[in-house]
Each structure stands twice: as C-alpha cells, then as structure tokens.
C-alpha atoms as a PDB file:
ATOM      1  CA  MET A   1      89.688 130.195  74.860  1.00  0.00           C
ATOM      2  CA  TRP A   2      86.934 127.579  75.005  1.00  0.00           C
ATOM      3  CA  ASN A   3      88.228 125.261  72.502  1.00  0.00           C
ATOM      4  CA  ARG A   4      91.092 123.803  74.449  1.00  0.00           C
ATOM      5  CA  ASN A   5      91.314 120.099  74.560  1.00  0.00           C
ATOM      6  CA  LEU A   6      91.313 119.103  78.344  1.00  0.00           C
ATOM      7  CA  SER A   7      91.929 115.615  79.579  1.00  0.00           C
ATOM      8  CA  ALA A   8      89.504 113.925  82.126  1.00  0.00           C
ATOM      9  CA  THR A   9      91.979 114.350  84.878  1.00  0.00           C
ATOM     10  CA  GLN A  10      92.203 118.039  84.287  1.00  0.00           C
ATOM     11  CA  LEU A  11      88.393 118.297  83.921  1.00  0.00           C
ATOM     12  CA  ARG A  12      88.111 116.682  87.475  1.00  0.00           C
ATOM     13  CA  GLY A  13      90.805 119.005  88.968  1.00  0.00           C
ATOM     14  CA  GLU A  14      93.327 116.223  89.609  1.00  0.00           C
ATOM     15  CA  ASN A  15      97.064 116.509  88.828  1.00  0.00           C
ATOM     16  CA  GLU A  16      99.978 114.215  88.706  1.00  0.00           C
ATOM     17  CA  MET A  17     100.689 114.773  92.347  1.00  0.00           C
ATOM     18  CA  SER A  18      97.636 113.367  93.713  1.00  0.00           C
ATOM     19  CA  SER A  19      98.037 110.096  91.748  1.00  0.00           C
ATOM     20  CA  LEU A  20     101.362 109.725  93.710  1.00  0.00           C
ATOM     21  CA  ILE A  21     100.002 110.798  97.046  1.00  0.00           C
ATOM     22  CA  ASP A  22      96.910 108.621  97.127  1.00  0.00           C
ATOM     23  CA  PRO A  23      98.468 105.184  97.339  1.00  0.00           C
ATOM     24  CA  ILE A  24     100.733 106.539 100.001  1.00  0.00           C
ATOM     25  CA  ILE A  25      97.774 107.706 102.103  1.00  0.00           C
ATOM     26  CA  TYR A  26      95.865 104.569 101.813  1.00  0.00           C
ATOM     27  CA  VAL A  27      99.041 102.563 103.011  1.00  0.00           C
ATOM     28  CA  LEU A  28      99.277 104.929 105.989  1.00  0.00           C
ATOM     29  CA  ILE A  29      95.768 104.642 106.968  1.00  0.00           C
ATOM     30  CA  ILE A  30      95.771 100.662 106.475  1.00  0.00           C
ATOM     31  CA  GLY A  31      99.033 100.379 108.589  1.00  0.00           C
ATOM     32  CA  CYS A  32      97.741 102.732 111.269  1.00  0.00           C
ATOM     33  CA  ILE A  33      94.409 100.867 111.645  1.00  0.00           C
ATOM     34  CA  ALA A  34      96.045  97.382 111.648  1.00  0.00           C
ATOM     35  CA  GLY A  35      98.506  98.541 114.138  1.00  0.00           C
ATOM     36  CA  TYR A  36      95.845  99.962 116.440  1.00  0.00           C
ATOM     37  CA  PHE A  37      93.779  96.644 116.354  1.00  0.00           C
ATOM     38  CA  ILE A  38      96.944  94.443 116.842  1.00  0.00           C
ATOM     39  CA  GLY A  39      98.112  96.770 119.753  1.00  0.00           C
ATOM     40  CA  TYR A  40      94.519  96.602 121.212  1.00  0.00           C
ATOM     41  CA  LEU A  41      94.314  92.804 120.843  1.00  0.00           C
ATOM     42  CA  VAL A  42      97.933  92.423 122.468  1.00  0.00           C
ATOM     43  CA  LYS A  43      96.960  94.677 125.314  1.00  0.00           C
ATOM     44  CA  LYS A  44      93.720  92.596 126.007  1.00  0.00           C
ATOM     45  CA  ILE A  45      95.541  89.360 125.612  1.00  0.00           C
ATOM     46  CA  SER A  46      98.340  90.172 127.866  1.00  0.00           C
ATOM     47  CA  ASN A  47      95.670  90.147 130.578  1.00  0.00           C
ATOM     48  CA  PHE A  48      95.646  86.400 130.246  1.00  0.00           C
ATOM     49  CA  ALA A  49      99.371  86.023 130.271  1.00  0.00           C
ATOM     50  CA  LEU A  50      99.446  84.868 133.950  1.00  0.00           C
ATOM     51  CA  ILE A  51      97.080  82.053 133.053  1.00  0.00           C
ATOM     52  CA  ILE A  52      99.081  81.159 129.994  1.00  0.00           C
ATOM     53  CA  GLY A  53     102.171  81.013 131.877  1.00  0.00           C
ATOM     54  CA  ILE A  54     100.810  78.931 134.748  1.00  0.00           C
ATOM     55  CA  ILE A  55      99.409  76.320 132.081  1.00  0.00           C
ATOM     56  CA  PHE A  56     102.921  76.289 130.376  1.00  0.00           C
ATOM     57  CA  PHE A  57     104.797  75.653 133.741  1.00  0.00           C
ATOM     58  CA  LEU A  58     102.179  73.037 134.798  1.00  0.00           C
ATOM     59  CA  LEU A  59     102.630  71.345 131.278  1.00  0.00           C
ATOM     60  CA  MET A  60     106.588  71.494 131.845  1.00  0.00           C
ATOM     61  CA  TYR A  61     106.040  70.077 135.520  1.00  0.00           C
ATOM     62  CA  LEU A  62     103.929  67.088 134.076  1.00  0.00           C
ATOM     63  CA  ALA A  63     106.511  66.472 131.382  1.00  0.00           C
ATOM     64  CA  TYR A  64     109.321  66.465 133.923  1.00  0.00           C
ATOM     65  CA  THR A  65     107.591  63.992 136.175  1.00  0.00           C
ATOM     66  CA  ARG A  66     106.875  61.984 133.113  1.00  0.00           C
ATOM     67  CA  ALA A  67     102.948  62.159 133.549  1.00  0.00           C
ATOM     68  CA  VAL A  68     102.972  63.535 130.044  1.00  0.00           C
ATOM     69  CA  ASN A  69     105.280  62.472 127.187  1.00  0.00           C
ATOM     70  CA  LEU A  70     106.495  65.534 125.266  1.00  0.00           C
ATOM     71  CA  ASP A  71     109.065  65.377 122.400  1.00  0.00           C
ATOM     72  CA  PHE A  72     110.928  68.676 122.918  1.00  0.00           C
ATOM     73  CA  ALA A  73     112.968  68.087 119.692  1.00  0.00           C
ATOM     74  CA  GLU A  74     109.939  67.967 117.573  1.00  0.00           C
ATOM     75  CA  LEU A  75     108.155  70.888 119.310  1.00  0.00           C
ATOM     76  CA  GLY A  76     111.310  72.934 118.716  1.00  0.00           C
ATOM     77  CA  ALA A  77     111.351  71.937 114.898  1.00  0.00           C
ATOM     78  CA  THR A  78     107.685  72.829 114.709  1.00  0.00           C
ATOM     79  CA  VAL A  79     108.138  76.245 116.240  1.00  0.00           C
ATOM     80  CA  SER A  80     111.252  76.837 113.969  1.00  0.00           C
ATOM     81  CA  ARG A  81     109.159  75.812 110.870  1.00  0.00           C
ATOM     82  CA  PHE A  82     106.204  78.126 111.892  1.00  0.00           C
ATOM     83  CA  SER A  83     108.424  81.088 112.514  1.00  0.00           C
ATOM     84  CA  GLY A  84     110.290  80.404 109.197  1.00  0.00           C
ATOM     85  CA  ILE A  85     106.949  80.587 107.432  1.00  0.00           C
ATOM     86  CA  LEU A  86     105.845  83.734 109.281  1.00  0.00           C
ATOM     87  CA  ALA A  87     109.275  85.435 108.529  1.00  0.00           C
ATOM     88  CA  THR A  88     108.897  84.891 104.796  1.00  0.00           C
ATOM     89  CA  LEU A  89     105.276  85.943 104.701  1.00  0.00           C
ATOM     90  CA  GLY A  90     104.980  88.961 106.873  1.00  0.00           C
ATOM     91  CA  LEU A  91     108.280  90.412 107.964  1.00  0.00           C
ATOM     92  CA  THR A  92     109.900  90.691 104.448  1.00  0.00           C
ATOM     93  CA  SER A  93     106.822  92.603 103.146  1.00  0.00           C
ATOM     94  CA  LEU A  94     106.743  94.765 106.306  1.00  0.00           C
ATOM     95  CA  ALA A  95     110.389  95.628 106.111  1.00  0.00           C
ATOM     96  CA  THR A  96     110.064  96.690 102.358  1.00  0.00           C
ATOM     97  CA  SER A  97     107.466  99.137 103.099  1.00  0.00           C
ATOM     98  CA  ALA A  98     108.699 102.086 105.223  1.00  0.00           C
ATOM     99  CA  PRO A  99     105.401 103.990 105.249  1.00  0.00           C
ATOM    100  CA  PHE A 100     103.319 100.988 106.250  1.00  0.00           C
ATOM    101  CA  ALA A 101     105.805 100.053 108.944  1.00  0.00           C
ATOM    102  CA  GLY A 102     105.967 103.554 110.568  1.00  0.00           C
ATOM    103  CA  SER A 103     102.184 104.053 110.478  1.00  0.00           C
ATOM    104  CA  PHE A 104     101.742 100.309 111.816  1.00  0.00           C
ATOM    105  CA  VAL A 105     103.997 101.350 114.739  1.00  0.00           C
ATOM    106  CA  ILE A 106     102.147 104.478 115.579  1.00  0.00           C
ATOM    107  CA  GLY A 107      98.954 102.558 115.480  1.00  0.00           C
ATOM    108  CA  LEU A 108     100.423  99.872 117.582  1.00  0.00           C
ATOM    109  CA  VAL A 109     101.481 102.399 120.302  1.00  0.00           C
ATOM    110  CA  LEU A 110      97.958 103.901 120.250  1.00  0.00           C
ATOM    111  CA  GLY A 111      96.186 100.608 120.449  1.00  0.00           C
ATOM    112  CA  LEU A 112      98.438  99.616 123.484  1.00  0.00           C
ATOM    113  CA  LYS A 113      97.682 102.807 125.218  1.00  0.00           C
ATOM    114  CA  ARG A 114      94.124 102.492 124.552  1.00  0.00           C
ATOM    115  CA  GLY A 115      93.591  98.771 125.532  1.00  0.00           C
END
C-alpha cells in the first residue's frame, strides 16, 4: 500500500484535466482585463470626440481654402498601409483565439459601462 510509485503531479494533487484548463483560464482572464481597459479608454477618449471632430473639420476647411497643402492621395495610402499592418498583427491572432475574443468582448462591454 505504501510502496506505490507516484508521480510528482499525483503527489501535488494535480491531474491531466487541470493542465488543459489552466491555459484557457489565463487566456480568459487576460482577454477580459485587456477588454476592460480598452473599453474604459475608449469611453474616456470618446469625451474628446467633439474636439477631435472640430480640429478635423478645421483642417479640412484650411485644405479647401488652400491655406494648408494636404496630399490626400498620400494620406489615404498611409492610412491603408497602417491598417494593413494592424490587420496582420492583431486581427488575425484575435480571430484565431475564440476564448480570448469572447472574454475580450465581455471585458470591453464592462469597461464601456464603467467608464
């Protein structure tokens, strides 16, 4: 009875199921925390949306009156390159991780409500 060879995981009381659940729990916690902070940040920044909009329309008016020279083709190309980089970095990994995406959305909603 006392001469059984026990592995280290059995001595600590762990089993194979906990080794599968632990990474999922970490992903869920990190996704929820990240979503909460992003939602909180978006809510706080959205208070400045009116000021950002006024600055944008003032800049467009200055470009229309030719007080400021803006190259809209280059501006569009820069935005396109930037969004292409963001899509390959973040959205692909977010789409492949369903637990992270789900917990991120839950955290985002909580952050938007709290902010």
